[in-house]
C-alpha atoms as a PDB file:
ATOM      1  CA  UNK A   1     216.247 -29.720 -99.218  1.00  0.00           C
ATOM      2  CA  UNK A   2     217.580 -26.118 -99.349  1.00  0.00           C
ATOM      3  CA  UNK A   3     214.638 -25.317-101.652  1.00  0.00           C
ATOM      4  CA  UNK A   4     212.141 -26.505 -99.007  1.00  0.00           C
ATOM      5  CA  UNK A   5     213.920 -24.436 -96.270  1.00  0.00           C
ATOM      6  CA  UNK A   6     213.760 -21.235 -98.486  1.00  0.00           C
ATOM      7  CA  UNK A   7     210.024 -21.828 -99.364  1.00  0.00           C
ATOM      8  CA  UNK A   8     209.279 -22.451 -95.615  1.00  0.00           C
ATOM      9  CA  UNK A   9     211.119 -19.067 -94.648  1.00  0.00           C
ATOM     10  CA  UNK A  10     209.097 -17.114 -97.447  1.00  0.00           C
ATOM     11  CA  UNK A  11     205.796 -18.458 -96.354  1.00  0.00           C
ATOM     12  CA  UNK A  12     206.630 -17.647 -92.688  1.00  0.00           C
ATOM     13  CA  UNK A  13     207.687 -14.169 -93.600  1.00  0.00           C
ATOM     14  CA  UNK A  14     204.629 -13.520 -95.745  1.00  0.00           C
ATOM     15  CA  UNK A  15     202.297 -14.895 -93.078  1.00  0.00           C
ATOM     16  CA  UNK A  16     203.967 -12.769 -90.607  1.00  0.00           C
ATOM     17  CA  UNK A  17     203.451  -9.779 -92.862  1.00  0.00           C
ATOM     18  CA  UNK A  18     199.871 -10.518 -93.379  1.00  0.00           C
ATOM     19  CA  UNK A  19     199.198 -10.576 -89.831  1.00  0.00           C
ATOM     20  CA  UNK A  20     200.885  -7.387 -89.008  1.00  0.00           C
ATOM     21  CA  UNK A  21     198.963  -5.524 -91.677  1.00  0.00           C
ATOM     22  CA  UNK A  22     195.730  -6.836 -90.753  1.00  0.00           C
ATOM     23  CA  UNK A  23     195.140  -8.598 -94.230  1.00  0.00           C
ATOM     24  CA  UNK A  24     193.754 -11.848 -94.387  1.00  0.00           C
ATOM     25  CA  UNK A  25     194.554 -14.777 -96.725  1.00  0.00           C
ATOM     26  CA  UNK A  26     192.013 -17.330 -97.706  1.00  0.00           C
ATOM     27  CA  UNK A  27     192.108 -20.507 -99.840  1.00  0.00           C
ATOM     28  CA  UNK A  28     189.123 -21.679-101.610  1.00  0.00           C
ATOM     29  CA  UNK A  29     185.841 -20.199-102.496  1.00  0.00           C
ATOM     30  CA  UNK A  30     184.996 -16.721-101.506  1.00  0.00           C
ATOM     31  CA  UNK A  31     181.400 -15.435-101.047  1.00  0.00           C
ATOM     32  CA  UNK A  32     182.051 -12.293-103.137  1.00  0.00           C
ATOM     33  CA  UNK A  33     182.938  -8.637-102.524  1.00  0.00           C
ATOM     34  CA  UNK A  34     182.224  -7.102 -99.101  1.00  0.00           C
ATOM     35  CA  UNK A  35     180.992  -3.605 -99.378  1.00  0.00           C
ATOM     36  CA  UNK A  36     181.177  -1.108 -96.530  1.00  0.00           C
ATOM     37  CA  UNK A  37     178.025   0.661 -95.771  1.00  0.00           C
ATOM     38  CA  UNK A  38     177.658   4.240 -96.656  1.00  0.00           C
ATOM     39  CA  UNK A  39     178.334   6.899 -94.120  1.00  0.00           C
ATOM     40  CA  UNK A  40     175.017   8.474 -92.809  1.00  0.00           C
ATOM     41  CA  UNK A  41     176.506  11.946 -92.454  1.00  0.00           C
ATOM     42  CA  UNK A  42     174.071  14.913 -92.756  1.00  0.00           C
ATOM     43  CA  UNK A  43     175.397  17.751 -94.504  1.00  0.00           C
ATOM     44  CA  UNK A  44     174.328  20.627 -96.852  1.00  0.00           C
ATOM     45  CA  UNK A  45     172.274  19.781 -99.896  1.00  0.00           C
ATOM     46  CA  UNK A  46     174.365  18.899-103.018  1.00  0.00           C
ATOM     47  CA  UNK A  47     173.766  22.301-104.629  1.00  0.00           C
ATOM     48  CA  UNK A  48     174.733  24.276-101.705  1.00  0.00           C
ATOM     49  CA  UNK A  49     178.463  24.878-100.804  1.00  0.00           C
ATOM     50  CA  UNK A  50     179.744  23.218 -97.577  1.00  0.00           C
ATOM     51  CA  UNK A  51     181.842  25.382 -95.197  1.00  0.00           C
ATOM     52  CA  UNK A  52     185.538  24.770 -96.251  1.00  0.00           C
ATOM     53  CA  UNK A  53     184.586  22.837 -99.203  1.00  0.00           C
ATOM     54  CA  UNK A  54     185.496  23.701-102.653  1.00  0.00           C
ATOM     55  CA  UNK A  55     182.978  22.685-105.294  1.00  0.00           C
ATOM     56  CA  UNK A  56     183.879  21.090-108.411  1.00  0.00           C
ATOM     57  CA  UNK A  57     181.286  23.161-110.567  1.00  0.00           C
ATOM     58  CA  UNK A  58     180.217  26.751-110.428  1.00  0.00           C
ATOM     59  CA  UNK A  59     176.961  27.908-111.970  1.00  0.00           C
ATOM     60  CA  UNK A  60     174.872  30.922-112.420  1.00  0.00           C
ATOM     61  CA  UNK A  61     171.167  30.115-112.023  1.00  0.00           C
ATOM     62  CA  UNK A  62     168.796  32.298-113.745  1.00  0.00           C
ATOM     63  CA  UNK A  63     165.432  31.748-111.713  1.00  0.00           C
ATOM     64  CA  UNK A  64     163.160  33.431-113.981  1.00  0.00           C
ATOM     65  CA  UNK A  65     163.876  31.099-116.910  1.00  0.00           C
ATOM     66  CA  UNK A  66     165.138  28.092-115.019  1.00  0.00           C
ATOM     67  CA  UNK A  67     168.518  28.038-116.712  1.00  0.00           C
ATOM     68  CA  UNK A  68     172.052  27.215-115.390  1.00  0.00           C
ATOM     69  CA  UNK A  69     175.118  28.428-116.886  1.00  0.00           C
ATOM     70  CA  UNK A  70     178.281  26.442-116.042  1.00  0.00           C
ATOM     71  CA  UNK A  71     181.132  28.934-115.602  1.00  0.00           C
ATOM     72  CA  UNK A  72     184.033  26.405-116.216  1.00  0.00           C
ATOM     73  CA  UNK A  73     182.719  24.870-119.142  1.00  0.00           C
ATOM     74  CA  UNK A  74     180.606  27.832-120.712  1.00  0.00           C
ATOM     75  CA  UNK A  75     177.546  25.526-121.202  1.00  0.00           C
ATOM     76  CA  UNK A  76     173.863  26.368-120.519  1.00  0.00           C
ATOM     77  CA  UNK A  77     171.666  23.944-119.154  1.00  0.00           C
ATOM     78  CA  UNK A  78     167.832  24.380-119.773  1.00  0.00           C
ATOM     79  CA  UNK A  79     164.627  22.583-120.028  1.00  0.00           C
ATOM     80  CA  UNK A  80     163.293  22.402-123.481  1.00  0.00           C
ATOM     81  CA  UNK A  81     161.189  20.077-125.517  1.00  0.00           C
ATOM     82  CA  UNK A  82     160.280  17.930-122.716  1.00  0.00           C
ATOM     83  CA  UNK A  83     164.066  17.284-121.417  1.00  0.00           C
ATOM     84  CA  UNK A  84     167.091  18.957-120.112  1.00  0.00           C
ATOM     85  CA  UNK A  85     169.520  20.077-122.641  1.00  0.00           C
ATOM     86  CA  UNK A  86     173.069  21.533-122.621  1.00  0.00           C
ATOM     87  CA  UNK A  87     174.441  23.849-125.288  1.00  0.00           C
ATOM     88  CA  UNK A  88     176.869  26.611-125.648  1.00  0.00           C
ATOM     89  CA  UNK A  89     174.011  28.989-126.662  1.00  0.00           C
ATOM     90  CA  UNK A  90     170.342  29.147-125.807  1.00  0.00           C
ATOM     91  CA  UNK A  91     167.482  28.711-128.230  1.00  0.00           C
ATOM     92  CA  UNK A  92     165.788  31.891-129.288  1.00  0.00           C
ATOM     93  CA  UNK A  93     162.712  31.188-127.222  1.00  0.00           C
ATOM     94  CA  UNK A  94     164.532  31.228-124.046  1.00  0.00           C
ATOM     95  CA  UNK A  95     165.760  34.732-122.837  1.00  0.00           C
ATOM     96  CA  UNK A  96     167.722  35.571-119.769  1.00  0.00           C
ATOM     97  CA  UNK A  97     168.639  38.876-118.201  1.00  0.00           C
ATOM     98  CA  UNK A  98     172.528  38.314-117.691  1.00  0.00           C
ATOM     99  CA  UNK A  99     172.487  40.404-114.297  1.00  0.00           C
ATOM    100  CA  UNK A 100     169.487  38.457-112.710  1.00  0.00           C
ATOM    101  CA  UNK A 101     171.266  35.302-111.474  1.00  0.00           C
ATOM    102  CA  UNK A 102     172.158  33.488-108.411  1.00  0.00           C
ATOM    103  CA  UNK A 103     175.793  32.018-108.035  1.00  0.00           C
ATOM    104  CA  UNK A 104     175.660  28.230-107.152  1.00  0.00           C
ATOM    105  CA  UNK A 105     178.327  25.752-106.349  1.00  0.00           C
ATOM    106  CA  UNK A 106     177.862  22.151-106.902  1.00  0.00           C
ATOM    107  CA  UNK A 107     179.608  18.613-106.781  1.00  0.00           C
ATOM    108  CA  UNK A 108     177.524  17.593-109.701  1.00  0.00           C
ATOM    109  CA  UNK A 109     178.291  18.313-113.434  1.00  0.00           C
ATOM    110  CA  UNK A 110     174.513  18.148-113.989  1.00  0.00           C
ATOM    111  CA  UNK A 111     172.704  20.750-112.005  1.00  0.00           C
ATOM    112  CA  UNK A 112     169.362  19.943-113.340  1.00  0.00           C
ATOM    113  CA  UNK A 113     169.321  16.854-111.130  1.00  0.00           C
ATOM    114  CA  UNK A 114     168.907  19.228-108.205  1.00  0.00           C
ATOM    115  CA  UNK A 115     166.485  21.514-109.854  1.00  0.00           C
ATOM    116  CA  UNK A 116     163.497  20.806-107.806  1.00  0.00           C
ATOM    117  CA  UNK A 117     165.472  21.770-104.559  1.00  0.00           C
ATOM    118  CA  UNK A 118     167.119  24.723-106.194  1.00  0.00           C
ATOM    119  CA  UNK A 119     163.720  25.973-107.537  1.00  0.00           C
ATOM    120  CA  UNK A 120     162.239  25.643-104.109  1.00  0.00           C
ATOM    121  CA  UNK A 121     165.083  27.579-102.548  1.00  0.00           C
ATOM    122  CA  UNK A 122     165.302  30.308-105.354  1.00  0.00           C
ATOM    123  CA  UNK A 123     161.721  30.830-106.705  1.00  0.00           C
ATOM    124  CA  UNK A 124     161.201  33.194-109.534  1.00  0.00           C
ATOM    125  CA  UNK A 125     160.535  36.733-108.603  1.00  0.00           C
ATOM    126  CA  UNK A 126     162.545  36.676-105.296  1.00  0.00           C
ATOM    127  CA  UNK A 127     165.885  37.858-106.605  1.00  0.00           C
ATOM    128  CA  UNK A 128     165.784  41.137-104.788  1.00  0.00           C
ATOM    129  CA  UNK A 129     165.357  39.135-101.583  1.00  0.00           C
ATOM    130  CA  UNK A 130     168.620  37.005-102.108  1.00  0.00           C
ATOM    131  CA  UNK A 131     170.786  40.054-102.971  1.00  0.00           C
ATOM    132  CA  UNK A 132     170.303  41.480 -99.621  1.00  0.00           C
END
């Protein structure tokens, strides 16, 4: 009898806690996970820094050769042989002028995912325009 009373009290307390926290308790089959819709907030593109936001990855982009250099990991990202590659050094066929770069900040560890946007924003031959 005491066991039934304790079990009733425990169930009552748990039920009260679930109601207070907004949780639901269901018994039986569940239709599956419920996903919240993604927020449709407009913000800066992934390759541009947002105001007050610290990007995870910093790159130097060399528009003349379409090369990215990751400052934190000391990696080059370049298009070669039909695909994007990452390496600690560039192949001898690809040459860059160390001073001719544009600093970029991204939340992406693979900058080439946004290359079409970056290339459109920083076309080759326009470096003097960006430095003003």
